[in-house]
Amino acid sequence: MYFLRDDMFRYLKAVLWSFLGLREKHAFEADQKKLKLIVLIAVGILVCIVFIGVLIGVVQIVVSNQQQILESSEGRS
């Protein structure tokens, strides 16, 4: 189990650093040798889906709060 968790952390770390665009050349080359491309792509897609879900959730919260503020200000007028 520890091996699997450590391996998945390595994939996640590689994807997140790549999303930021901050990769050192030697780390990139080491990842090319150790990580499987298909798993790396799958983790990248999963992280992207989670990121989009979080953005949608934040927008929903902001829009909901804005509507409540507008409704409460209309009641005072």
Protein backbone atom coordinates (compact mmCIF):
# COMPACT_ATOMS: atom_id res chain seq x y z
CA MET A 1 0.00 0.00 0.00
CA TYR A 2 2.78 2.44 0.85
CA PHE A 3 4.36 1.92 -2.56
CA LEU A 4 1.08 2.71 -4.31
CA ARG A 5 0.51 5.84 -2.24
CA ASP A 6 4.07 7.04 -2.85
CA ASP A 7 3.74 6.37 -6.57
CA MET A 8 0.44 8.24 -6.85
CA PHE A 9 1.92 11.17 -4.93
CA ARG A 10 4.75 11.28 -7.48
CA TYR A 11 2.23 11.43 -10.36
CA LEU A 12 0.15 14.09 -8.62
CA LYS A 13 3.24 16.16 -7.85
CA ALA A 14 4.40 15.98 -11.47
CA VAL A 15 0.98 17.04 -12.77
CA LEU A 16 0.58 19.92 -10.32
CA TRP A 17 4.05 21.31 -11.03
CA SER A 18 3.32 21.03 -14.74
CA PHE A 19 0.05 22.93 -14.32
CA LEU A 20 2.04 25.74 -12.74
CA GLY A 21 4.73 25.55 -15.39
CA LEU A 22 7.48 25.32 -12.80
CA ARG A 23 9.50 22.22 -13.61
CA GLU A 24 13.22 21.81 -13.21
CA LYS A 25 14.89 20.09 -16.11
CA HIS A 26 16.40 17.27 -14.06
CA ALA A 27 13.07 16.59 -12.33
CA PHE A 28 11.32 16.47 -15.69
CA GLU A 29 13.89 14.04 -17.07
CA ALA A 30 13.63 11.84 -13.97
CA ASP A 31 9.84 11.78 -14.30
CA GLN A 32 10.14 10.77 -17.96
CA LYS A 33 12.12 7.72 -16.93
CA LYS A 34 9.97 6.69 -13.95
CA LEU A 35 6.38 7.63 -14.76
CA LYS A 36 4.06 5.94 -17.25
CA LEU A 37 2.54 8.30 -19.78
CA ILE A 38 -0.99 6.87 -19.71
CA VAL A 39 -1.23 7.16 -15.92
CA LEU A 40 0.20 10.68 -16.07
CA ILE A 41 -2.44 11.68 -18.62
CA ALA A 42 -5.21 10.13 -16.50
CA VAL A 43 -4.04 11.97 -13.38
CA GLY A 44 -3.82 15.21 -15.39
CA ILE A 45 -7.39 14.82 -16.63
CA LEU A 46 -8.62 14.01 -13.11
CA VAL A 47 -6.87 17.06 -11.63
CA CYS A 48 -8.32 19.22 -14.40
CA ILE A 49 -11.85 17.94 -13.70
CA VAL A 50 -11.44 18.61 -9.97
CA PHE A 51 -10.10 22.11 -10.69
CA ILE A 52 -13.06 22.92 -12.95
CA GLY A 53 -15.46 21.55 -10.32
CA VAL A 54 -13.93 23.77 -7.66
CA LEU A 55 -14.17 26.81 -9.94
CA ILE A 56 -17.83 26.08 -10.68
CA GLY A 57 -18.51 25.67 -6.96
CA VAL A 58 -16.85 28.98 -6.13
CA VAL A 59 -18.82 30.76 -8.85
CA GLN A 60 -22.07 29.24 -7.56
CA ILE A 61 -21.31 30.46 -4.03
CA VAL A 62 -20.44 33.97 -5.23
CA VAL A 63 -23.54 34.24 -7.42
CA SER A 64 -25.76 32.94 -4.62
CA ASN A 65 -24.32 35.44 -2.13
CA GLN A 66 -24.67 38.26 -4.65
CA GLN A 67 -28.34 37.40 -5.21
CA GLN A 68 -28.96 37.40 -1.45
CA ILE A 69 -27.30 40.81 -1.13
CA LEU A 70 -29.38 42.22 -3.99
CA GLU A 71 -32.61 40.80 -2.54
CA SER A 72 -31.88 42.20 0.91
CA SER A 73 -31.02 45.67 -0.49
CA GLU A 74 -34.28 45.71 -2.52
CA GLY A 75 -36.24 44.95 0.65
CA ARG A 76 -34.77 48.00 2.39
CA SER A 77 -35.67 50.38 -0.43
